[in-house]
Amino acid sequence: MNTARSDSRVRIDGVSKHYDADGGLARPLEHVPFDVTDGELVCIAGPSGCAKPPLFRILPGLDDATAGAVYL
């Protein structure tokens, strides 16, 4: 269970993204949790294909998460 800090500005609580793809169900994000507080600098980095764009679309509400929630 992810417990958010009371001073969180952004809270990602168990976000998952699933969609139908050729050959079955794609699951680019699975139960992603993190918090960002005032004054904190956050960098989300990773290799090509590790689902950064789906997370960046879910954060501002451009795309819906399959599960979990984003709190601003």
C-alpha atoms as a PDB file:
ATOM      1  CA  MET A   1       0.000   0.000   0.000  1.00  0.00           C
ATOM      2  CA  ASN A   2       1.296   3.437  -0.956  1.00  0.00           C
ATOM      3  CA  THR A   3       0.983   6.019   1.805  1.00  0.00           C
ATOM      4  CA  ALA A   4       1.144   9.580   0.479  1.00  0.00           C
ATOM      5  CA  ARG A   5       3.009  12.239   2.378  1.00  0.00           C
ATOM      6  CA  SER A   6       0.768  15.047   3.606  1.00  0.00           C
ATOM      7  CA  ASP A   7       2.853  17.667   1.767  1.00  0.00           C
ATOM      8  CA  SER A   8       2.584  15.979  -1.646  1.00  0.00           C
ATOM      9  CA  ARG A   9       1.782  18.246  -4.603  1.00  0.00           C
ATOM     10  CA  VAL A  10       1.490  15.357  -7.041  1.00  0.00           C
ATOM     11  CA  ARG A  11       0.575  11.844  -5.976  1.00  0.00           C
ATOM     12  CA  ILE A  12       0.596   8.913  -8.383  1.00  0.00           C
ATOM     13  CA  ASP A  13      -1.201   6.072  -6.651  1.00  0.00           C
ATOM     14  CA  GLY A  14      -0.847   2.661  -8.286  1.00  0.00           C
ATOM     15  CA  VAL A  15      -1.329   3.875 -11.872  1.00  0.00           C
ATOM     16  CA  SER A  16      -1.600   1.167 -14.521  1.00  0.00           C
ATOM     17  CA  LYS A  17      -2.241   1.421 -18.255  1.00  0.00           C
ATOM     18  CA  HIS A  18      -3.407  -1.552 -20.314  1.00  0.00           C
ATOM     19  CA  TYR A  19      -4.662  -1.653 -23.899  1.00  0.00           C
ATOM     20  CA  ASP A  20      -5.375  -4.151 -26.640  1.00  0.00           C
ATOM     21  CA  ALA A  21      -2.471  -4.666 -29.016  1.00  0.00           C
ATOM     22  CA  ASP A  22      -1.660  -7.065 -31.811  1.00  0.00           C
ATOM     23  CA  GLY A  23      -1.042 -10.387 -30.156  1.00  0.00           C
ATOM     24  CA  GLY A  24      -2.755  -9.649 -26.821  1.00  0.00           C
ATOM     25  CA  LEU A  25      -2.951  -7.190 -23.982  1.00  0.00           C
ATOM     26  CA  ALA A  26      -0.179  -4.585 -23.657  1.00  0.00           C
ATOM     27  CA  ARG A  27       0.665  -3.425 -20.119  1.00  0.00           C
ATOM     28  CA  PRO A  28       3.120  -0.546 -20.415  1.00  0.00           C
ATOM     29  CA  LEU A  29       2.501   0.698 -16.846  1.00  0.00           C
ATOM     30  CA  GLU A  30       1.790  -1.524 -13.868  1.00  0.00           C
ATOM     31  CA  HIS A  31       1.045  -0.147 -10.364  1.00  0.00           C
ATOM     32  CA  VAL A  32       3.270   2.965 -10.567  1.00  0.00           C
ATOM     33  CA  PRO A  33       3.449   4.878  -7.254  1.00  0.00           C
ATOM     34  CA  PHE A  34       5.301   8.093  -6.395  1.00  0.00           C
ATOM     35  CA  ASP A  35       4.877  11.452  -4.681  1.00  0.00           C
ATOM     36  CA  VAL A  36       6.306  14.869  -5.519  1.00  0.00           C
ATOM     37  CA  THR A  37       6.493  17.561  -2.833  1.00  0.00           C
ATOM     38  CA  ASP A  38       7.127  21.321  -2.943  1.00  0.00           C
ATOM     39  CA  GLY A  39      10.683  22.121  -3.929  1.00  0.00           C
ATOM     40  CA  GLU A  40      11.400  18.610  -5.156  1.00  0.00           C
ATOM     41  CA  LEU A  41      12.965  18.170  -8.586  1.00  0.00           C
ATOM     42  CA  VAL A  42      11.869  14.987 -10.338  1.00  0.00           C
ATOM     43  CA  CYS A  43      13.289  13.391 -13.454  1.00  0.00           C
ATOM     44  CA  ILE A  44      11.594  10.435 -15.102  1.00  0.00           C
ATOM     45  CA  ALA A  45      14.159   8.692 -17.261  1.00  0.00           C
ATOM     46  CA  GLY A  46      14.494   5.322 -18.859  1.00  0.00           C
ATOM     47  CA  PRO A  47      15.361   3.501 -22.044  1.00  0.00           C
ATOM     48  CA  SER A  48      13.257   3.590 -25.180  1.00  0.00           C
ATOM     49  CA  GLY A  49      10.100   1.531 -24.759  1.00  0.00           C
ATOM     50  CA  CYS A  50       9.754   1.774 -20.971  1.00  0.00           C
ATOM     51  CA  ALA A  51       6.363   3.620 -21.067  1.00  0.00           C
ATOM     52  CA  LYS A  52       7.354   7.209 -20.324  1.00  0.00           C
ATOM     53  CA  PRO A  53       4.869   8.713 -22.852  1.00  0.00           C
ATOM     54  CA  PRO A  54       1.815   6.898 -21.425  1.00  0.00           C
ATOM     55  CA  LEU A  55       2.691   8.191 -17.951  1.00  0.00           C
ATOM     56  CA  PHE A  56       3.197  11.735 -19.294  1.00  0.00           C
ATOM     57  CA  ARG A  57      -0.228  11.579 -20.992  1.00  0.00           C
ATOM     58  CA  ILE A  58      -1.951  10.308 -17.832  1.00  0.00           C
ATOM     59  CA  LEU A  59      -0.425  12.955 -15.520  1.00  0.00           C
ATOM     60  CA  PRO A  60      -2.219  15.982 -17.083  1.00  0.00           C
ATOM     61  CA  GLY A  61      -5.384  14.004 -17.873  1.00  0.00           C
ATOM     62  CA  LEU A  62      -4.831  13.614 -21.635  1.00  0.00           C
ATOM     63  CA  ASP A  63      -5.324   9.860 -21.269  1.00  0.00           C
ATOM     64  CA  ASP A  64      -7.087   7.749 -18.645  1.00  0.00           C
ATOM     65  CA  ALA A  65      -5.312   5.234 -16.469  1.00  0.00           C
ATOM     66  CA  THR A  66      -6.678   1.701 -16.502  1.00  0.00           C
ATOM     67  CA  ALA A  67      -6.259   1.568 -12.717  1.00  0.00           C
ATOM     68  CA  GLY A  68      -4.975   3.814  -9.963  1.00  0.00           C
ATOM     69  CA  ALA A  69      -5.265   7.575  -9.623  1.00  0.00           C
ATOM     70  CA  VAL A  70      -3.395  10.871 -10.028  1.00  0.00           C
ATOM     71  CA  TYR A  71      -3.917  13.545  -7.389  1.00  0.00           C
ATOM     72  CA  LEU A  72      -2.784  17.137  -7.958  1.00  0.00           C
END
